[in-house]
Every structure is written in C-alpha cells, then in structure tokens.
Protein backbone atom coordinates (compact mmCIF):
# COMPACT_ATOMS: atom_id res chain seq x y z
CA MET A 1 69.66 -57.63 -12.80
CA ASN A 2 66.63 -58.28 -14.94
CA SER A 3 64.44 -58.96 -11.89
CA ILE A 4 65.41 -55.58 -10.42
CA VAL A 5 64.15 -53.79 -13.53
CA VAL A 6 60.89 -55.74 -13.41
CA PHE A 7 60.50 -55.01 -9.71
CA LEU A 8 61.04 -51.27 -10.16
CA GLY A 9 58.85 -50.98 -13.26
CA MET A 10 55.11 -50.38 -13.42
CA PRO A 11 53.13 -53.06 -11.59
CA SER A 12 50.96 -55.32 -13.68
CA ALA A 13 47.24 -55.80 -13.10
CA TRP A 14 48.00 -58.67 -10.70
CA GLY A 15 50.46 -56.48 -8.85
CA ILE A 16 47.88 -53.74 -8.39
CA ILE A 17 45.30 -56.27 -7.18
CA LEU A 18 47.83 -57.66 -4.71
CA ILE A 19 48.67 -54.17 -3.41
CA LEU A 20 44.97 -53.34 -2.98
CA ALA A 21 44.36 -56.64 -1.17
CA VAL A 22 47.22 -55.95 1.25
CA ILE A 23 45.88 -52.45 1.92
CA LEU A 24 42.41 -53.88 2.55
CA LEU A 25 43.82 -56.43 4.98
CA MET A 26 45.92 -53.82 6.79
CA PHE A 27 43.26 -51.16 7.27
CA GLY A 28 39.98 -53.06 6.98
CA GLY A 29 36.87 -52.10 5.08
CA LYS A 30 35.71 -49.47 7.57
CA LYS A 31 38.92 -47.42 7.62
CA ILE A 32 39.41 -47.11 3.85
CA PRO A 33 36.53 -44.62 3.28
CA GLU A 34 37.88 -42.49 6.12
CA LEU A 35 41.36 -42.57 4.56
CA MET A 36 39.96 -41.57 1.16
CA ARG A 37 37.98 -38.69 2.68
CA GLY A 38 41.11 -37.47 4.41
CA LEU A 39 43.10 -37.77 1.19
CA GLY A 40 40.40 -35.90 -0.74
CA SER A 41 40.26 -33.07 1.77
CA GLY A 42 44.05 -32.83 1.75
CA ILE A 43 44.10 -32.56 -2.04
CA LYS A 44 41.36 -29.92 -1.91
CA GLU A 45 43.30 -27.87 0.64
CA PHE A 46 46.43 -28.15 -1.50
CA LYS A 47 44.56 -26.92 -4.60
CA ASP A 48 43.04 -24.04 -2.64
CA ALA A 49 46.46 -23.06 -1.31
CA THR A 50 48.00 -23.10 -4.79
CA LYS A 51 45.11 -20.99 -6.14
CA ASP A 52 45.58 -18.49 -3.31
CA ASP A 53 49.30 -18.39 -4.09
CA GLU A 54 48.61 -17.75 -7.79
CA ASN A 55 46.14 -14.98 -6.93
CA LYS A 56 48.71 -13.29 -4.69
CA ASP A 57 51.34 -13.48 -7.45
CA GLN A 58 48.96 -11.99 -10.01
CA SER A 59 47.91 -9.14 -7.72
CA LYS A 60 51.57 -8.16 -7.22
CA LYS A 61 52.14 -7.69 -10.94
C-alpha cells in the first residue's frame, strides 16, 4: 500500500530526470523542438480563444 502512495505522488528529481531521458530516447533530439513549438502554438491558440470568449461575454452585458 505504501508503494502505491509513493508511485502516485510527486516524482522526485531522479524521477523527473528518468522521465525526460525516456522522452528523449523515444522522440530523439530533433523532434523535441518541433513538439515544443506545437505545444506552444496550441497554448497560444487556447489563450486567444479564451480571450475571444471573454470579450464576447463582456460585450453581451
């Protein structure tokens, strides 16, 4: 039971390093910048959409 709590908790520094190493091995060094650009543009689009939504709500009032 105790190991389940440790497993589900926040990863330690070694856990984060291990996760990053696995990601690097899976995708390779050339794909990671492309993934980050895609993630950044997705976040930007999400923020723009929420701002547009807020502007529409404020104009209705």
